[in-house]
Amino acid sequence: MDGNRRWAREHNLPVLEGHRRVANSILEPLIKHASEMGIQYLTFWAWSTENWNRDIGEVKGIMNLLQWGFGHFGEKLHKNGVRIRMIGDISKFDHNIQRQITALIEKTKNNTAITAIFALNYGGRDEMLRAIAKWHKDQKNETREITSNEFSQYLDTTGIPDPELIVRTGGEKRLSGFLLWQSEYSELYFADWHMPDFTVTRFDEIVGDFELRQRRFGK
């Protein structure tokens, strides 16, 4: 989800208003629409491992938005049958936010309409380093090779299928570390418009583009 700050500046608004618009007006309609289309998994990269380097005022504002979102927004998603999962190293967040995340995951674990995944304090390299550390800890000094399937079980996304399509808003044409391991055969879509302008109509256009592609998986 890219372009929140640029969208705010283009509309002569404080930068936090771009993030607020996405939280208040964009995410829920997209999740609801995806669920109605039969899509089973939808992932949003909400906070990267590099985002902590932003202006302290913006970081504090986004942390407040997260706390609001896990409460108000999370409850609405739960009522709509949405299962919520998180990927990333949430240990870096305030203890109150960690408790909210854990409670929301537990509360929605039996929901079946769609699984909405939020990447928080997430980075692809960081995820793989943490996966290697967990695997190494389990080996108890044994020496052996790890398989691709086994390695996948140590990633944050264990139990979640690899993404078929990755969309980046905001005009940048790179993944910036998003799901580095999982994106091997993902189709990519780079939008020139910003995340606060991500409408359901645009979602349909992207899906329509995806359906026209031929996926060969290296064959």
C-alpha atoms as a PDB file:
ATOM      1  CA  MET A   1       0.000   0.000   0.000  1.00  0.00           C
ATOM      2  CA  ASP A   2       2.000   2.960  -1.293  1.00  0.00           C
ATOM      3  CA  GLY A   3       1.366   6.635  -1.916  1.00  0.00           C
ATOM      4  CA  ASN A   4      -0.591   7.644   1.190  1.00  0.00           C
ATOM      5  CA  ARG A   5       1.648  10.601   1.970  1.00  0.00           C
ATOM      6  CA  ARG A   6       1.853  11.778  -1.643  1.00  0.00           C
ATOM      7  CA  TRP A   7      -1.939  11.580  -1.920  1.00  0.00           C
ATOM      8  CA  ALA A   8      -2.292  13.745   1.186  1.00  0.00           C
ATOM      9  CA  ARG A   9       0.155  16.345  -0.111  1.00  0.00           C
ATOM     10  CA  GLU A  10      -1.586  16.471  -3.489  1.00  0.00           C
ATOM     11  CA  HIS A  11      -4.829  17.225  -1.627  1.00  0.00           C
ATOM     12  CA  ASN A  12      -3.181  19.822   0.645  1.00  0.00           C
ATOM     13  CA  LEU A  13      -3.759  17.653   3.711  1.00  0.00           C
ATOM     14  CA  PRO A  14      -1.497  16.571   6.590  1.00  0.00           C
ATOM     15  CA  VAL A  15       0.361  13.364   5.654  1.00  0.00           C
ATOM     16  CA  LEU A  16      -1.497  11.330   8.263  1.00  0.00           C
ATOM     17  CA  GLU A  17      -4.778  11.942   6.424  1.00  0.00           C
ATOM     18  CA  GLY A  18      -3.679   9.667   3.602  1.00  0.00           C
ATOM     19  CA  HIS A  19      -3.181   6.810   6.058  1.00  0.00           C
ATOM     20  CA  ARG A  20      -6.460   7.677   7.770  1.00  0.00           C
ATOM     21  CA  ARG A  21      -8.407   7.573   4.514  1.00  0.00           C
ATOM     22  CA  VAL A  22      -7.082   4.106   3.721  1.00  0.00           C
ATOM     23  CA  ALA A  23      -7.979   2.830   7.208  1.00  0.00           C
ATOM     24  CA  ASN A  24     -11.428   4.458   7.242  1.00  0.00           C
ATOM     25  CA  SER A  25     -12.627   4.177   3.652  1.00  0.00           C
ATOM     26  CA  ILE A  26     -10.545   1.843   1.500  1.00  0.00           C
ATOM     27  CA  LEU A  27      -9.669  -1.416   3.250  1.00  0.00           C
ATOM     28  CA  GLU A  28     -13.108  -2.640   4.313  1.00  0.00           C
ATOM     29  CA  PRO A  29     -14.754  -2.256   0.855  1.00  0.00           C
ATOM     30  CA  LEU A  30     -11.815  -4.024  -0.813  1.00  0.00           C
ATOM     31  CA  ILE A  31     -11.933  -6.936   1.640  1.00  0.00           C
ATOM     32  CA  LYS A  32     -15.727  -7.222   1.321  1.00  0.00           C
ATOM     33  CA  HIS A  33     -15.576  -7.119  -2.471  1.00  0.00           C
ATOM     34  CA  ALA A  34     -12.776  -9.681  -2.639  1.00  0.00           C
ATOM     35  CA  SER A  35     -14.769 -11.988  -0.376  1.00  0.00           C
ATOM     36  CA  GLU A  36     -17.839 -11.663  -2.610  1.00  0.00           C
ATOM     37  CA  MET A  37     -15.673 -12.569  -5.621  1.00  0.00           C
ATOM     38  CA  GLY A  38     -14.565 -15.775  -3.911  1.00  0.00           C
ATOM     39  CA  ILE A  39     -11.005 -14.647  -3.232  1.00  0.00           C
ATOM     40  CA  GLN A  40      -9.790 -16.480  -0.149  1.00  0.00           C
ATOM     41  CA  TYR A  41      -6.662 -14.532   0.854  1.00  0.00           C
ATOM     42  CA  LEU A  42      -5.864 -10.824   0.667  1.00  0.00           C
ATOM     43  CA  THR A  43      -2.679  -9.347   2.117  1.00  0.00           C
ATOM     44  CA  PHE A  44      -1.963  -5.687   2.922  1.00  0.00           C
ATOM     45  CA  TRP A  45       1.562  -4.474   3.660  1.00  0.00           C
ATOM     46  CA  ALA A  46       0.727  -1.900   6.309  1.00  0.00           C
ATOM     47  CA  TRP A  47       4.095  -1.250   8.008  1.00  0.00           C
ATOM     48  CA  SER A  48       7.588  -2.221   6.896  1.00  0.00           C
ATOM     49  CA  THR A  49      10.750  -2.746   8.924  1.00  0.00           C
ATOM     50  CA  GLU A  50      12.075   0.474   7.346  1.00  0.00           C
ATOM     51  CA  ASN A  51       9.040   2.624   8.192  1.00  0.00           C
ATOM     52  CA  TRP A  52      10.296   3.183  11.738  1.00  0.00           C
ATOM     53  CA  ASN A  53      12.763   5.669  10.211  1.00  0.00           C
ATOM     54  CA  ARG A  54       9.989   8.101   9.296  1.00  0.00           C
ATOM     55  CA  ASP A  55       9.197  11.337  11.129  1.00  0.00           C
ATOM     56  CA  ILE A  56       8.418  10.579  14.776  1.00  0.00           C
ATOM     57  CA  GLY A  57       5.103  12.426  14.557  1.00  0.00           C
ATOM     58  CA  GLU A  58       3.973  10.301  11.608  1.00  0.00           C
ATOM     59  CA  VAL A  59       5.078   7.093  13.334  1.00  0.00           C
ATOM     60  CA  LYS A  60       3.136   8.007  16.473  1.00  0.00           C
ATOM     61  CA  GLY A  61       0.066   8.886  14.423  1.00  0.00           C
ATOM     62  CA  ILE A  62       0.153   5.594  12.555  1.00  0.00           C
ATOM     63  CA  MET A  63       0.551   3.653  15.805  1.00  0.00           C
ATOM     64  CA  ASN A  64      -2.606   5.401  17.067  1.00  0.00           C
ATOM     65  CA  LEU A  65      -4.366   4.472  13.831  1.00  0.00           C
ATOM     66  CA  LEU A  66      -3.312   0.849  14.281  1.00  0.00           C
ATOM     67  CA  GLN A  67      -4.742   0.757  17.789  1.00  0.00           C
ATOM     68  CA  TRP A  68      -8.000   2.251  16.551  1.00  0.00           C
ATOM     69  CA  GLY A  69      -8.056  -0.169  13.637  1.00  0.00           C
ATOM     70  CA  PHE A  70      -7.584  -3.299  15.723  1.00  0.00           C
ATOM     71  CA  GLY A  71     -10.562  -2.211  17.800  1.00  0.00           C
ATOM     72  CA  HIS A  72     -13.213  -0.547  15.629  1.00  0.00           C
ATOM     73  CA  PHE A  73     -12.136  -1.825  12.212  1.00  0.00           C
ATOM     74  CA  GLY A  74     -11.261  -5.274  13.530  1.00  0.00           C
ATOM     75  CA  GLU A  75     -14.687  -5.701  15.107  1.00  0.00           C
ATOM     76  CA  LYS A  76     -16.419  -4.801  11.826  1.00  0.00           C
ATOM     77  CA  LEU A  77     -14.339  -7.340   9.938  1.00  0.00           C
ATOM     78  CA  HIS A  78     -15.121  -9.977  12.547  1.00  0.00           C
ATOM     79  CA  LYS A  79     -18.865  -9.373  12.149  1.00  0.00           C
ATOM     80  CA  ASN A  80     -18.415  -9.855   8.403  1.00  0.00           C
ATOM     81  CA  GLY A  81     -16.811 -13.261   8.935  1.00  0.00           C
ATOM     82  CA  VAL A  82     -13.258 -12.154   8.107  1.00  0.00           C
ATOM     83  CA  ARG A  83     -10.395 -14.149   9.551  1.00  0.00           C
ATOM     84  CA  ILE A  84      -7.419 -11.948  10.397  1.00  0.00           C
ATOM     85  CA  ARG A  85      -3.771 -12.943  10.376  1.00  0.00           C
ATOM     86  CA  MET A  86      -0.570 -10.960  10.794  1.00  0.00           C
ATOM     87  CA  ILE A  87       2.872 -11.455   9.308  1.00  0.00           C
ATOM     88  CA  GLY A  88       6.022  -9.682  10.430  1.00  0.00           C
ATOM     89  CA  ASP A  89       7.868  -9.248  13.725  1.00  0.00           C
ATOM     90  CA  ILE A  90       5.192  -7.762  15.975  1.00  0.00           C
ATOM     91  CA  SER A  91       7.515  -7.930  19.014  1.00  0.00           C
ATOM     92  CA  LYS A  92       8.763  -4.472  18.039  1.00  0.00           C
ATOM     93  CA  PHE A  93       5.373  -2.894  18.726  1.00  0.00           C
ATOM     94  CA  ASP A  94       4.088  -1.471  21.991  1.00  0.00           C
ATOM     95  CA  HIS A  95       2.751  -4.174  24.341  1.00  0.00           C
ATOM     96  CA  ASN A  96      -0.797  -2.816  24.049  1.00  0.00           C
ATOM     97  CA  ILE A  97      -0.682  -3.189  20.263  1.00  0.00           C
ATOM     98  CA  GLN A  98       0.765  -6.688  20.584  1.00  0.00           C
ATOM     99  CA  ARG A  99      -2.089  -7.682  22.898  1.00  0.00           C
ATOM    100  CA  GLN A 100      -4.648  -6.250  20.481  1.00  0.00           C
ATOM    101  CA  ILE A 101      -3.117  -8.157  17.582  1.00  0.00           C
ATOM    102  CA  THR A 102      -3.076 -11.447  19.496  1.00  0.00           C
ATOM    103  CA  ALA A 103      -6.657 -10.968  20.694  1.00  0.00           C
ATOM    104  CA  LEU A 104      -7.949 -10.139  17.199  1.00  0.00           C
ATOM    105  CA  ILE A 105      -6.251 -13.152  15.637  1.00  0.00           C
ATOM    106  CA  GLU A 106      -7.744 -15.409  18.304  1.00  0.00           C
ATOM    107  CA  LYS A 107     -11.197 -13.838  18.027  1.00  0.00           C
ATOM    108  CA  THR A 108     -11.433 -14.294  14.258  1.00  0.00           C
ATOM    109  CA  LYS A 109      -9.641 -17.632  13.895  1.00  0.00           C
ATOM    110  CA  ASN A 110     -12.805 -19.576  13.026  1.00  0.00           C
ATOM    111  CA  ASN A 111     -14.159 -17.088  10.475  1.00  0.00           C
ATOM    112  CA  THR A 112     -14.349 -18.371   6.917  1.00  0.00           C
ATOM    113  CA  ALA A 113     -15.521 -15.577   4.577  1.00  0.00           C
ATOM    114  CA  ILE A 114     -11.966 -14.520   3.674  1.00  0.00           C
ATOM    115  CA  THR A 115      -8.557 -14.323   5.346  1.00  0.00           C
ATOM    116  CA  ALA A 116      -7.225 -10.760   5.520  1.00  0.00           C
ATOM    117  CA  ILE A 117      -3.512 -10.676   6.286  1.00  0.00           C
ATOM    118  CA  PHE A 118      -1.756  -7.553   7.521  1.00  0.00           C
ATOM    119  CA  ALA A 119       2.010  -7.285   7.185  1.00  0.00           C
ATOM    120  CA  LEU A 120       3.254  -5.324  10.206  1.00  0.00           C
ATOM    121  CA  ASN A 121       6.909  -4.563  10.849  1.00  0.00           C
ATOM    122  CA  TYR A 122       7.461  -6.803   7.851  1.00  0.00           C
ATOM    123  CA  GLY A 123      10.425  -7.107   5.502  1.00  0.00           C
ATOM    124  CA  GLY A 124      11.213 -10.008   3.206  1.00  0.00           C
ATOM    125  CA  ARG A 125      14.849 -10.316   4.256  1.00  0.00           C
ATOM    126  CA  ASP A 126      13.930  -9.973   7.917  1.00  0.00           C
ATOM    127  CA  GLU A 127      11.338 -12.729   7.526  1.00  0.00           C
ATOM    128  CA  MET A 128      13.868 -15.108   5.981  1.00  0.00           C
ATOM    129  CA  LEU A 129      16.525 -14.362   8.594  1.00  0.00           C
ATOM    130  CA  ARG A 130      13.992 -15.063  11.353  1.00  0.00           C
ATOM    131  CA  ALA A 131      12.948 -18.274   9.590  1.00  0.00           C
ATOM    132  CA  ILE A 132      16.569 -19.445   9.382  1.00  0.00           C
ATOM    133  CA  ALA A 133      17.082 -18.670  13.067  1.00  0.00           C
ATOM    134  CA  LYS A 134      13.973 -20.668  14.030  1.00  0.00           C
ATOM    135  CA  TRP A 135      15.002 -23.615  11.862  1.00  0.00           C
ATOM    136  CA  HIS A 136      18.545 -23.582  13.246  1.00  0.00           C
ATOM    137  CA  LYS A 137      17.192 -23.538  16.804  1.00  0.00           C
ATOM    138  CA  ASP A 138      15.086 -26.617  16.061  1.00  0.00           C
ATOM    139  CA  GLN A 139      18.065 -28.566  14.713  1.00  0.00           C
ATOM    140  CA  LYS A 140      19.833 -28.804  18.103  1.00  0.00           C
ATOM    141  CA  ASN A 141      23.266 -28.735  16.473  1.00  0.00           C
ATOM    142  CA  GLU A 142      22.408 -31.391  13.886  1.00  0.00           C
ATOM    143  CA  THR A 143      23.912 -30.856  10.424  1.00  0.00           C
ATOM    144  CA  ARG A 144      21.657 -31.446   7.439  1.00  0.00           C
ATOM    145  CA  GLU A 145      20.243 -29.646   4.432  1.00  0.00           C
ATOM    146  CA  ILE A 146      16.862 -27.936   4.545  1.00  0.00           C
ATOM    147  CA  THR A 147      14.312 -28.460   1.775  1.00  0.00           C
ATOM    148  CA  SER A 148      12.265 -25.739   0.122  1.00  0.00           C
ATOM    149  CA  ASN A 149       9.017 -27.085   1.575  1.00  0.00           C
ATOM    150  CA  GLU A 150      10.484 -27.313   5.052  1.00  0.00           C
ATOM    151  CA  PHE A 151      11.835 -23.773   4.894  1.00  0.00           C
ATOM    152  CA  SER A 152       8.384 -22.485   3.945  1.00  0.00           C
ATOM    153  CA  GLN A 153       7.026 -23.846   7.222  1.00  0.00           C
ATOM    154  CA  TYR A 154       9.280 -21.469   9.157  1.00  0.00           C
ATOM    155  CA  LEU A 155       8.131 -18.365   7.321  1.00  0.00           C
ATOM    156  CA  ASP A 156       5.468 -15.998   8.684  1.00  0.00           C
ATOM    157  CA  THR A 157       3.148 -17.154   5.901  1.00  0.00           C
ATOM    158  CA  THR A 158       3.061 -20.826   6.848  1.00  0.00           C
ATOM    159  CA  GLY A 159      -0.393 -22.163   5.998  1.00  0.00           C
ATOM    160  CA  ILE A 160      -1.031 -19.314   3.545  1.00  0.00           C
ATOM    161  CA  PRO A 161      -0.721 -19.997  -0.200  1.00  0.00           C
ATOM    162  CA  ASP A 162       1.809 -18.010  -2.224  1.00  0.00           C
ATOM    163  CA  PRO A 163       0.262 -14.893  -3.776  1.00  0.00           C
ATOM    164  CA  GLU A 164      -1.045 -15.254  -7.318  1.00  0.00           C
ATOM    165  CA  LEU A 165      -1.027 -11.501  -7.873  1.00  0.00           C
ATOM    166  CA  ILE A 166       0.866  -8.659  -6.185  1.00  0.00           C
ATOM    167  CA  VAL A 167      -0.367  -5.101  -6.653  1.00  0.00           C
ATOM    168  CA  ARG A 168       1.729  -2.071  -5.776  1.00  0.00           C
ATOM    169  CA  THR A 169       0.104   1.348  -5.809  1.00  0.00           C
ATOM    170  CA  GLY A 170       1.865   4.715  -5.935  1.00  0.00           C
ATOM    171  CA  GLY A 171       3.776   4.452  -9.211  1.00  0.00           C
ATOM    172  CA  GLU A 172       6.907   2.656  -7.971  1.00  0.00           C
ATOM    173  CA  LYS A 173       7.826  -0.449  -9.975  1.00  0.00           C
ATOM    174  CA  ARG A 174       9.570  -2.664  -7.448  1.00  0.00           C
ATOM    175  CA  LEU A 175       8.609  -5.061  -4.644  1.00  0.00           C
ATOM    176  CA  SER A 176      10.862  -3.469  -1.996  1.00  0.00           C
ATOM    177  CA  GLY A 177      11.223  -6.803  -0.215  1.00  0.00           C
ATOM    178  CA  PHE A 178       7.571  -7.851  -0.154  1.00  0.00           C
ATOM    179  CA  LEU A 179       7.184 -11.638   0.192  1.00  0.00           C
ATOM    180  CA  LEU A 180      10.556 -12.301  -1.424  1.00  0.00           C
ATOM    181  CA  TRP A 181      10.370 -16.079  -1.047  1.00  0.00           C
ATOM    182  CA  GLN A 182       6.655 -16.408  -1.779  1.00  0.00           C
ATOM    183  CA  SER A 183       6.531 -14.183  -4.881  1.00  0.00           C
ATOM    184  CA  GLU A 184       8.551 -16.514  -7.136  1.00  0.00           C
ATOM    185  CA  TYR A 185       5.685 -16.971  -9.619  1.00  0.00           C
ATOM    186  CA  SER A 186       3.418 -14.111  -8.616  1.00  0.00           C
ATOM    187  CA  GLU A 187       2.014 -11.881 -11.327  1.00  0.00           C
ATOM    188  CA  LEU A 188       2.846  -8.204 -10.760  1.00  0.00           C
ATOM    189  CA  TYR A 189       0.684  -5.115 -11.271  1.00  0.00           C
ATOM    190  CA  PHE A 190       2.059  -1.619 -10.759  1.00  0.00           C
ATOM    191  CA  ALA A 191      -0.537   1.147 -10.479  1.00  0.00           C
ATOM    192  CA  ASP A 192       0.263   4.826 -11.048  1.00  0.00           C
ATOM    193  CA  TRP A 193      -2.470   5.947  -8.641  1.00  0.00           C
ATOM    194  CA  HIS A 194      -2.090   6.002  -4.860  1.00  0.00           C
ATOM    195  CA  MET A 195      -3.518   3.635  -2.248  1.00  0.00           C
ATOM    196  CA  PRO A 196      -6.179   6.144  -1.026  1.00  0.00           C
ATOM    197  CA  ASP A 197      -7.632   5.986  -4.582  1.00  0.00           C
ATOM    198  CA  PHE A 198      -7.904   2.172  -4.623  1.00  0.00           C
ATOM    199  CA  THR A 199     -11.588   1.686  -5.418  1.00  0.00           C
ATOM    200  CA  VAL A 200     -13.592  -1.484  -5.951  1.00  0.00           C
ATOM    201  CA  THR A 201     -13.835  -0.568  -9.647  1.00  0.00           C
ATOM    202  CA  ARG A 202     -10.062  -0.476  -9.887  1.00  0.00           C
ATOM    203  CA  PHE A 203      -9.890  -3.803  -8.067  1.00  0.00           C
ATOM    204  CA  ASP A 204     -12.112  -5.310 -10.790  1.00  0.00           C
ATOM    205  CA  GLU A 205      -9.902  -3.831 -13.517  1.00  0.00           C
ATOM    206  CA  ILE A 206      -6.807  -5.385 -11.942  1.00  0.00           C
ATOM    207  CA  VAL A 207      -8.467  -8.785 -11.604  1.00  0.00           C
ATOM    208  CA  GLY A 208      -9.604  -8.530 -15.233  1.00  0.00           C
ATOM    209  CA  ASP A 209      -6.018  -7.858 -16.309  1.00  0.00           C
ATOM    210  CA  PHE A 210      -4.806 -10.822 -14.244  1.00  0.00           C
ATOM    211  CA  GLU A 211      -7.337 -13.171 -15.820  1.00  0.00           C
ATOM    212  CA  LEU A 212      -5.962 -12.399 -19.289  1.00  0.00           C
ATOM    213  CA  ARG A 213      -2.428 -13.436 -18.375  1.00  0.00           C
ATOM    214  CA  GLN A 214      -0.949 -16.833 -19.199  1.00  0.00           C
ATOM    215  CA  ARG A 215       0.824 -18.311 -16.188  1.00  0.00           C
ATOM    216  CA  ARG A 216       3.423 -20.884 -17.198  1.00  0.00           C
ATOM    217  CA  PHE A 217       5.266 -21.423 -13.902  1.00  0.00           C
ATOM    218  CA  GLY A 218       8.550 -21.936 -15.737  1.00  0.00           C
ATOM    219  CA  LYS A 219       7.165 -24.566 -18.129  1.00  0.00           C
END
